[in-house]
């Protein structure tokens, strides 16, 4: 079981939204950060869905390392 998962939205085999739903079933307490590399309305919609499905934080790529580390620190403490 995971405490923290960082997942891309667009991945082969299983997309990030499916992964978030699976994590919620398997590890309801896990904290999730969802990331996407596209800056379009469609991708923004995916990030909104990721939040609705349980992602604690969402980011567009490129992710600034200090922002990501800050989110990780906040979510694991």
N, C-alpha and C. Protein backbone atom coordinates (compact mmCIF):
# COMPACT_ATOMS: atom_id res chain seq x y z
N UNK A 1 0.84 -1.18 0.00
CA UNK A 1 0.00 0.00 0.00
C UNK A 1 0.88 1.24 0.00
N UNK A 2 0.42 2.23 -0.70
CA UNK A 2 1.19 3.45 -0.87
C UNK A 2 0.68 4.55 0.05
N UNK A 3 1.60 5.39 0.52
CA UNK A 3 1.22 6.59 1.27
C UNK A 3 1.04 7.77 0.33
N UNK A 4 1.85 7.81 -0.73
CA UNK A 4 1.83 8.91 -1.69
C UNK A 4 2.09 8.37 -3.08
N UNK A 5 1.29 8.82 -4.05
CA UNK A 5 1.47 8.42 -5.44
C UNK A 5 1.51 9.69 -6.29
N UNK A 6 2.49 9.75 -7.19
CA UNK A 6 2.56 10.82 -8.18
C UNK A 6 2.31 10.15 -9.52
N UNK A 7 1.24 10.57 -10.20
CA UNK A 7 0.84 9.90 -11.44
C UNK A 7 0.61 10.90 -12.56
N UNK A 8 1.03 10.51 -13.74
CA UNK A 8 0.71 11.28 -14.93
C UNK A 8 -0.72 10.92 -15.34
N UNK A 9 -1.39 11.83 -15.99
CA UNK A 9 -2.75 11.56 -16.46
C UNK A 9 -2.73 10.68 -17.70
N UNK A 10 -1.84 10.99 -18.64
CA UNK A 10 -1.78 10.22 -19.88
C UNK A 10 -0.64 9.22 -19.82
N UNK A 11 -1.01 7.94 -19.69
CA UNK A 11 -0.03 6.87 -19.63
C UNK A 11 -0.53 5.72 -20.50
N UNK A 12 0.37 4.87 -20.95
CA UNK A 12 -0.09 3.69 -21.69
C UNK A 12 -0.74 2.69 -20.74
N UNK A 13 -1.54 1.84 -21.26
CA UNK A 13 -2.21 0.75 -20.56
C UNK A 13 -3.34 1.26 -19.67
N UNK A 14 -3.03 2.04 -18.64
CA UNK A 14 -4.04 2.58 -17.73
C UNK A 14 -3.81 4.08 -17.61
N UNK A 15 -4.85 4.89 -17.84
CA UNK A 15 -4.61 6.33 -17.71
C UNK A 15 -4.65 6.73 -16.23
N UNK A 16 -4.20 7.93 -15.96
CA UNK A 16 -4.09 8.39 -14.58
C UNK A 16 -5.41 8.45 -13.84
N UNK A 17 -6.50 8.75 -14.55
CA UNK A 17 -7.81 8.78 -13.89
C UNK A 17 -8.22 7.39 -13.43
N UNK A 18 -7.96 6.39 -14.26
CA UNK A 18 -8.25 5.00 -13.87
C UNK A 18 -7.37 4.60 -12.68
N UNK A 19 -6.12 5.03 -12.73
CA UNK A 19 -5.20 4.71 -11.64
C UNK A 19 -5.67 5.32 -10.32
N UNK A 20 -6.11 6.57 -10.37
CA UNK A 20 -6.61 7.22 -9.15
C UNK A 20 -7.78 6.44 -8.57
N UNK A 21 -8.70 6.02 -9.43
CA UNK A 21 -9.85 5.25 -8.95
C UNK A 21 -9.40 3.93 -8.33
N UNK A 22 -8.43 3.27 -8.94
CA UNK A 22 -7.91 2.01 -8.41
C UNK A 22 -7.23 2.22 -7.06
N UNK A 23 -6.44 3.28 -6.96
CA UNK A 23 -5.77 3.58 -5.70
C UNK A 23 -6.80 3.85 -4.60
N UNK A 24 -7.82 4.58 -4.92
CA UNK A 24 -8.88 4.88 -3.94
C UNK A 24 -9.53 3.59 -3.42
N UNK A 25 -9.70 2.61 -4.31
CA UNK A 25 -10.28 1.32 -3.88
C UNK A 25 -9.31 0.54 -2.99
N UNK A 26 -8.03 0.54 -3.38
CA UNK A 26 -7.03 -0.27 -2.68
C UNK A 26 -6.44 0.40 -1.44
N UNK A 27 -6.23 1.70 -1.52
CA UNK A 27 -5.59 2.46 -0.43
C UNK A 27 -6.30 3.80 -0.26
N UNK A 28 -7.46 3.80 0.36
CA UNK A 28 -8.26 5.03 0.46
C UNK A 28 -7.52 6.20 1.12
N UNK A 29 -6.57 5.91 1.98
CA UNK A 29 -5.87 6.99 2.69
C UNK A 29 -4.67 7.53 1.90
N UNK A 30 -4.32 6.90 0.80
CA UNK A 30 -3.16 7.35 0.02
C UNK A 30 -3.41 8.76 -0.51
N UNK A 31 -2.36 9.54 -0.51
CA UNK A 31 -2.41 10.90 -1.06
C UNK A 31 -1.93 10.81 -2.51
N UNK A 32 -2.59 11.54 -3.40
CA UNK A 32 -2.29 11.44 -4.82
C UNK A 32 -2.00 12.82 -5.40
N UNK A 33 -0.93 12.87 -6.20
CA UNK A 33 -0.60 14.06 -6.99
C UNK A 33 -0.72 13.65 -8.45
N UNK A 34 -1.55 14.38 -9.20
CA UNK A 34 -1.73 14.09 -10.62
C UNK A 34 -1.07 15.18 -11.45
N UNK A 35 -0.43 14.75 -12.54
CA UNK A 35 0.33 15.66 -13.39
C UNK A 35 -0.04 15.41 -14.85
N UNK A 36 -0.07 16.48 -15.64
CA UNK A 36 -0.26 16.33 -17.07
C UNK A 36 0.68 17.26 -17.81
N UNK A 37 1.06 16.85 -19.00
CA UNK A 37 2.01 17.63 -19.80
C UNK A 37 1.35 18.53 -20.81
N UNK A 38 0.05 18.54 -20.85
CA UNK A 38 -0.65 19.33 -21.85
C UNK A 38 -1.35 20.49 -21.19
N UNK A 39 -1.34 21.62 -21.84
CA UNK A 39 -1.99 22.81 -21.31
C UNK A 39 -3.13 23.19 -22.25
N UNK A 40 -4.17 22.38 -22.22
CA UNK A 40 -5.33 22.64 -23.06
C UNK A 40 -6.58 22.51 -22.20
N UNK A 41 -7.70 22.91 -22.74
CA UNK A 41 -8.96 22.79 -22.00
C UNK A 41 -9.26 21.33 -21.68
N UNK A 42 -8.96 20.42 -22.61
CA UNK A 42 -9.22 19.01 -22.38
C UNK A 42 -8.40 18.50 -21.21
N UNK A 43 -7.12 18.83 -21.19
CA UNK A 43 -6.26 18.39 -20.09
C UNK A 43 -6.64 19.05 -18.78
N UNK A 44 -7.04 20.31 -18.82
CA UNK A 44 -7.50 20.98 -17.60
C UNK A 44 -8.72 20.24 -17.07
N UNK A 45 -9.56 19.76 -17.95
CA UNK A 45 -10.71 18.96 -17.55
C UNK A 45 -10.28 17.68 -16.88
N UNK A 46 -9.21 17.05 -17.40
CA UNK A 46 -8.69 15.84 -16.77
C UNK A 46 -8.19 16.11 -15.36
N UNK A 47 -7.54 17.24 -15.17
CA UNK A 47 -7.05 17.58 -13.83
C UNK A 47 -8.20 17.84 -12.87
N UNK A 48 -9.26 18.47 -13.36
CA UNK A 48 -10.45 18.67 -12.52
C UNK A 48 -11.05 17.32 -12.13
N UNK A 49 -11.13 16.41 -13.10
CA UNK A 49 -11.64 15.07 -12.80
C UNK A 49 -10.73 14.36 -11.80
N UNK A 50 -9.42 14.52 -11.96
CA UNK A 50 -8.48 13.91 -11.02
C UNK A 50 -8.76 14.38 -9.60
N UNK A 51 -9.05 15.66 -9.44
CA UNK A 51 -9.39 16.18 -8.11
C UNK A 51 -10.70 15.59 -7.62
N UNK A 52 -11.69 15.49 -8.51
CA UNK A 52 -12.97 14.90 -8.12
C UNK A 52 -12.81 13.44 -7.72
N UNK A 53 -11.89 12.74 -8.36
CA UNK A 53 -11.66 11.32 -8.05
C UNK A 53 -10.79 11.13 -6.82
N UNK A 54 -10.18 12.21 -6.34
CA UNK A 54 -9.43 12.09 -5.10
C UNK A 54 -7.99 12.56 -5.10
N UNK A 55 -7.52 13.16 -6.18
CA UNK A 55 -6.15 13.70 -6.17
C UNK A 55 -6.10 14.91 -5.25
N UNK A 56 -5.11 14.92 -4.37
CA UNK A 56 -4.97 16.02 -3.41
C UNK A 56 -4.37 17.26 -4.07
N UNK A 57 -3.52 17.06 -5.07
CA UNK A 57 -2.88 18.17 -5.78
C UNK A 57 -2.79 17.80 -7.26
N UNK A 58 -2.82 18.83 -8.11
CA UNK A 58 -2.63 18.61 -9.54
C UNK A 58 -1.67 19.66 -10.07
N UNK A 59 -0.90 19.25 -11.08
CA UNK A 59 0.09 20.14 -11.69
C UNK A 59 0.11 19.95 -13.19
N UNK A 60 0.37 21.03 -13.92
CA UNK A 60 0.71 20.96 -15.33
C UNK A 60 2.22 20.88 -15.45
N UNK A 61 2.71 20.12 -16.42
CA UNK A 61 4.14 20.07 -16.70
C UNK A 61 4.52 21.31 -17.51
N UNK A 62 5.71 21.80 -17.38
CA UNK A 62 6.73 21.29 -16.48
C UNK A 62 6.44 21.70 -15.04
N UNK A 63 6.62 20.77 -14.15
CA UNK A 63 6.39 21.01 -12.72
C UNK A 63 7.67 21.59 -12.13
N UNK A 64 7.52 22.67 -11.41
CA UNK A 64 8.67 23.26 -10.73
C UNK A 64 8.99 22.39 -9.51
N UNK A 65 10.23 21.98 -9.39
CA UNK A 65 10.64 21.07 -8.33
C UNK A 65 10.28 21.61 -6.94
N UNK A 66 10.53 22.88 -6.63
CA UNK A 66 10.16 23.37 -5.30
C UNK A 66 8.66 23.23 -5.01
N UNK A 67 7.82 23.46 -6.02
CA UNK A 67 6.37 23.32 -5.83
C UNK A 67 6.00 21.87 -5.57
N UNK A 68 6.59 20.96 -6.34
CA UNK A 68 6.30 19.53 -6.15
C UNK A 68 6.78 19.07 -4.78
N UNK A 69 7.99 19.45 -4.41
CA UNK A 69 8.51 19.05 -3.10
C UNK A 69 7.67 19.62 -1.96
N UNK A 70 7.20 20.83 -2.13
CA UNK A 70 6.34 21.44 -1.11
C UNK A 70 5.04 20.65 -0.98
N UNK A 71 4.45 20.27 -2.10
CA UNK A 71 3.21 19.48 -2.07
C UNK A 71 3.45 18.12 -1.42
N UNK A 72 4.56 17.47 -1.76
CA UNK A 72 4.89 16.18 -1.18
C UNK A 72 5.06 16.32 0.33
N UNK A 73 5.82 17.32 0.77
CA UNK A 73 6.03 17.53 2.21
C UNK A 73 4.72 17.78 2.93
N UNK A 74 3.86 18.57 2.34
CA UNK A 74 2.57 18.86 2.97
C UNK A 74 1.69 17.61 3.07
N UNK A 75 1.73 16.79 2.05
CA UNK A 75 0.85 15.62 2.02
C UNK A 75 1.31 14.47 2.87
N UNK A 76 2.61 14.38 3.14
CA UNK A 76 3.11 13.25 3.93
C UNK A 76 3.29 13.57 5.42
N UNK A 77 3.06 14.81 5.80
CA UNK A 77 3.21 15.14 7.22
C UNK A 77 1.87 15.18 7.92
